[in-house]
N, C-alpha and C. Protein backbone atom coordinates (compact mmCIF):
# COMPACT_ATOMS: atom_id res chain seq x y z
N MET A 1 96.69 148.95 141.83
CA MET A 1 96.18 147.74 142.00
C MET A 1 96.85 147.18 143.27
N TYR A 2 96.00 146.71 144.23
CA TYR A 2 96.34 146.24 145.30
C TYR A 2 97.69 145.14 145.41
N GLN A 3 98.74 144.93 146.08
CA GLN A 3 99.49 144.03 146.18
C GLN A 3 99.77 143.21 147.57
N VAL A 4 99.46 142.13 147.57
CA VAL A 4 99.69 141.29 148.84
C VAL A 4 101.27 140.96 148.97
N SER A 5 101.57 141.43 150.61
CA SER A 5 102.76 141.19 150.79
C SER A 5 102.90 139.63 151.08
N HIS A 6 103.95 138.94 151.15
CA HIS A 6 104.48 137.84 151.01
C HIS A 6 104.43 137.32 152.40
N LEU A 7 104.15 138.05 153.22
CA LEU A 7 104.12 137.92 154.97
C LEU A 7 102.45 137.70 155.36
N GLU A 8 101.63 138.13 154.44
CA GLU A 8 100.40 138.30 154.93
C GLU A 8 99.82 137.06 155.31
N GLY A 9 100.04 136.04 154.99
CA GLY A 9 99.63 134.31 155.40
C GLY A 9 100.53 134.45 156.54
N TYR A 10 102.04 134.74 156.93
CA TYR A 10 102.14 134.35 158.37
C TYR A 10 101.63 134.87 159.36
N ARG A 11 101.29 136.19 158.87
CA ARG A 11 100.78 137.57 159.74
C ARG A 11 99.48 136.77 160.05
N LYS A 12 98.54 136.34 159.35
CA LYS A 12 97.27 135.97 159.86
C LYS A 12 97.15 134.53 160.37
N LYS A 13 98.43 133.54 160.06
CA LYS A 13 98.39 132.25 161.03
C LYS A 13 99.31 132.61 162.26
N TRP A 14 100.10 133.63 162.56
CA TRP A 14 100.99 133.44 163.44
C TRP A 14 101.02 134.78 164.39
N GLY A 15 100.41 135.79 163.59
CA GLY A 15 100.47 137.38 164.35
C GLY A 15 101.41 138.18 164.00
N PRO A 16 101.66 139.52 164.38
CA PRO A 16 102.84 139.83 164.16
C PRO A 16 104.41 139.72 164.01
N PRO A 17 105.26 139.79 163.05
CA PRO A 17 106.56 139.09 163.33
C PRO A 17 106.98 139.87 164.41
N THR A 18 108.33 139.37 164.92
CA THR A 18 108.94 139.48 166.03
C THR A 18 110.35 139.43 165.53
N ILE A 19 111.26 140.10 166.19
CA ILE A 19 112.72 140.14 166.05
C ILE A 19 113.00 138.55 165.70
N GLN A 20 112.56 137.97 166.36
CA GLN A 20 113.11 136.40 166.39
C GLN A 20 112.49 136.01 164.71
N SER A 21 111.97 136.28 163.92
CA SER A 21 111.23 135.79 162.89
C SER A 21 112.66 136.40 161.92
N LEU A 22 113.66 137.24 162.13
CA LEU A 22 114.48 137.94 161.43
C LEU A 22 115.74 136.74 161.27
N THR A 23 116.35 136.46 160.36
CA THR A 23 117.55 136.15 160.24
C THR A 23 118.58 136.53 161.10
N PRO A 24 119.74 135.29 161.53
CA PRO A 24 120.78 135.92 161.96
C PRO A 24 121.68 137.02 161.41
N ARG A 25 121.58 136.97 160.24
CA ARG A 25 122.05 138.39 159.43
C ARG A 25 121.51 139.60 159.67
N GLU A 26 120.30 139.19 159.46
CA GLU A 26 119.50 140.47 159.69
C GLU A 26 119.49 141.14 160.90
N ARG A 27 119.15 139.99 162.07
CA ARG A 27 119.47 140.57 163.25
C ARG A 27 121.04 141.36 163.91
N GLU A 28 122.06 141.06 163.14
CA GLU A 28 123.31 141.41 162.90
C GLU A 28 123.04 143.08 162.62
N ILE A 29 122.53 143.04 161.42
CA ILE A 29 122.59 144.27 160.78
C ILE A 29 121.79 145.24 161.21
N LEU A 30 120.61 144.64 162.34
CA LEU A 30 119.97 145.51 163.11
C LEU A 30 120.27 146.02 163.99
N ALA A 31 121.18 145.30 164.76
CA ALA A 31 121.87 145.68 166.09
C ALA A 31 123.23 146.60 165.63
N LEU A 32 123.60 146.46 164.57
CA LEU A 32 124.30 148.08 163.88
C LEU A 32 123.91 148.93 163.52
N VAL A 33 122.56 149.07 163.14
CA VAL A 33 121.68 150.22 162.68
C VAL A 33 121.43 150.53 164.31
N ALA A 34 121.12 150.04 165.03
CA ALA A 34 120.61 150.19 166.76
C ALA A 34 122.09 151.07 167.29
N GLN A 35 123.45 150.67 166.78
CA GLN A 35 124.21 151.64 167.23
C GLN A 35 124.84 152.84 166.38
N GLY A 36 124.07 153.03 165.54
CA GLY A 36 124.48 154.20 164.93
C GLY A 36 124.97 154.04 163.66
N LYS A 37 125.18 152.78 163.34
CA LYS A 37 126.25 152.98 162.11
C LYS A 37 125.54 153.25 160.74
N ALA A 38 125.72 153.62 159.98
CA ALA A 38 125.46 153.85 158.36
C ALA A 38 125.68 152.84 157.81
N ASN A 39 124.74 152.57 156.45
CA ASN A 39 124.82 151.83 155.86
C ASN A 39 126.20 151.30 155.23
N GLN A 40 126.82 152.20 154.66
CA GLN A 40 128.08 151.98 154.11
C GLN A 40 128.92 151.26 155.22
N ASP A 41 128.86 152.10 156.35
CA ASP A 41 129.87 151.21 157.65
C ASP A 41 129.39 150.19 157.67
N ILE A 42 128.37 149.67 157.84
CA ILE A 42 127.88 148.27 158.18
C ILE A 42 128.39 147.15 157.00
N GLY A 43 128.09 148.06 155.64
CA GLY A 43 128.50 147.12 154.72
C GLY A 43 130.62 146.85 154.84
N GLU A 44 131.01 147.95 155.11
CA GLU A 44 132.51 147.80 155.15
C GLU A 44 132.69 146.51 156.53
N TYR A 45 131.69 147.02 157.64
CA TYR A 45 132.51 146.11 158.67
C TYR A 45 132.17 144.39 158.51
N LEU A 46 130.89 144.27 157.81
CA LEU A 46 130.32 142.63 157.56
C LEU A 46 131.15 142.52 156.02
N GLY A 47 131.59 143.14 155.54
CA GLY A 47 132.43 142.61 154.07
C GLY A 47 131.05 142.10 153.17
N ILE A 48 130.33 142.88 153.12
CA ILE A 48 129.18 142.87 152.03
C ILE A 48 129.03 144.62 151.59
N SER A 49 128.26 144.06 150.29
CA SER A 49 128.24 145.67 149.35
C SER A 49 127.03 146.58 150.43
N LEU A 50 126.99 147.58 149.81
CA LEU A 50 125.74 148.77 150.28
C LEU A 50 124.47 148.22 149.76
N ARG A 51 124.50 147.66 148.36
CA ARG A 51 123.16 146.83 148.22
C ARG A 51 122.93 145.79 148.80
N THR A 52 123.36 145.20 148.99
CA THR A 52 123.23 143.68 150.05
C THR A 52 122.86 144.15 151.07
N VAL A 53 123.39 145.54 152.13
CA VAL A 53 122.65 146.21 152.93
C VAL A 53 121.44 146.33 152.98
N LYS A 54 121.13 147.17 151.97
CA LYS A 54 120.01 147.92 151.56
C LYS A 54 118.85 146.72 151.37
N VAL A 55 119.20 145.75 151.03
CA VAL A 55 118.25 144.63 150.45
C VAL A 55 117.60 143.84 152.20
N HIS A 56 118.72 143.68 153.04
CA HIS A 56 118.94 143.00 154.19
C HIS A 56 117.82 144.13 154.92
N LEU A 57 117.89 145.84 155.07
CA LEU A 57 117.06 146.37 155.60
C LEU A 57 115.66 146.48 155.15
N ALA A 58 115.49 146.18 154.12
CA ALA A 58 114.15 145.76 153.24
C ALA A 58 113.50 145.00 153.56
N ASN A 59 114.26 144.13 153.88
CA ASN A 59 113.85 142.52 154.27
C ASN A 59 113.08 142.79 156.06
N ILE A 60 113.92 143.56 156.68
CA ILE A 60 114.11 144.04 158.09
C ILE A 60 112.60 144.33 158.41
N PHE A 61 112.33 145.61 157.26
CA PHE A 61 111.38 146.60 157.67
C PHE A 61 110.02 145.91 157.27
N GLU A 62 110.28 145.14 156.21
CA GLU A 62 108.92 144.22 155.70
C GLU A 62 108.69 143.38 156.81
N LYS A 63 109.52 142.51 157.37
CA LYS A 63 109.03 141.72 158.44
C LYS A 63 108.99 142.42 159.31
N LEU A 64 109.03 143.13 160.18
CA LEU A 64 108.80 143.76 161.12
C LEU A 64 107.55 144.90 161.06
N GLY A 65 107.18 145.15 159.64
CA GLY A 65 105.79 145.72 159.35
C GLY A 65 106.14 147.26 159.95
N VAL A 66 107.61 147.57 160.02
CA VAL A 66 108.13 149.01 159.79
C VAL A 66 108.41 150.09 158.56
N ASN A 67 108.66 151.06 158.64
CA ASN A 67 109.17 152.06 157.44
C ASN A 67 110.39 152.47 157.82
N ARG A 68 110.73 152.91 158.67
CA ARG A 68 112.15 153.45 158.87
C ARG A 68 113.00 152.77 160.07
N ARG A 69 114.00 153.38 159.98
CA ARG A 69 115.60 152.40 160.60
C ARG A 69 114.99 152.77 162.21
N THR A 70 114.43 154.19 162.80
CA THR A 70 114.37 154.35 164.11
C THR A 70 113.01 153.19 164.55
N GLU A 71 112.23 153.16 163.48
CA GLU A 71 110.71 152.01 163.91
C GLU A 71 111.72 150.66 164.42
N ALA A 72 112.49 150.28 163.58
CA ALA A 72 112.82 148.82 163.57
C ALA A 72 113.89 149.21 164.66
N VAL A 73 114.49 149.98 165.24
CA VAL A 73 115.38 150.04 166.17
C VAL A 73 114.40 149.66 167.52
N ALA A 74 113.51 150.44 167.73
CA ALA A 74 112.40 150.63 168.76
C ALA A 74 112.12 149.20 168.94
N ARG A 75 111.74 148.66 167.81
CA ARG A 75 111.33 146.85 167.79
C ARG A 75 112.53 146.12 168.64
N LEU A 76 113.35 146.27 168.04
CA LEU A 76 114.46 145.35 169.12
C LEU A 76 114.70 145.71 170.16
N SER A 77 114.55 147.16 170.60
CA SER A 77 115.04 147.86 172.19
C SER A 77 113.76 146.98 172.73
N SER A 78 112.51 147.05 172.58
CA SER A 78 111.32 146.53 173.05
C SER A 78 111.29 145.31 173.33
N GLU A 79 111.71 144.53 172.27
CA GLU A 79 111.84 142.98 172.65
C GLU A 79 113.12 142.40 173.02
N TRP A 80 114.45 143.01 172.50
CA TRP A 80 115.85 142.68 173.38
C TRP A 80 115.82 143.90 173.97
N PRO A 81 115.42 144.17 175.28
CA PRO A 81 116.12 145.51 176.05
C PRO A 81 117.48 145.59 176.65
N CYS A 82 117.80 144.13 176.98
CA CYS A 82 119.33 144.10 177.66
C CYS A 82 120.03 143.44 176.87
N ARG A 83 119.61 143.23 175.33
CA ARG A 83 120.78 142.82 174.48
C ARG A 83 121.87 143.40 174.70
N GLU A 84 123.23 142.95 174.66
CA GLU A 84 124.76 143.42 173.93
C GLU A 84 124.65 143.88 172.99
N PRO A 85 125.18 145.09 172.58
CA PRO A 85 125.55 145.28 171.38
C PRO A 85 126.38 144.73 170.74
N VAL A 86 126.69 144.50 169.45
CA VAL A 86 127.31 143.74 168.71
C VAL A 86 128.77 144.42 168.77
N ALA A 87 129.88 144.31 169.02
CA ALA A 87 131.27 144.92 168.96
C ALA A 87 131.20 145.71 167.60
N SER A 88 132.02 146.77 167.87
CA SER A 88 132.22 147.67 166.65
C SER A 88 133.63 147.53 165.84
């Protein structure tokens, strides 16, 4: 059975989501992913559980229409090429 994404209506009206469509926390997590941080390290750095990190990443992937961390980071790099990294 076909399952409709909750973002389908958004995409039809506004086009493909961008990095700007992410929440501040999702952008923070994506910046840490771009630095090569593992999920466990991200959770420890932000004081959140590993499960919460994974939920944020799933939301990021869905919003950006990607399937992998590398694809999400590529979107970040293409949309914010001069972005300063988050302090480690």
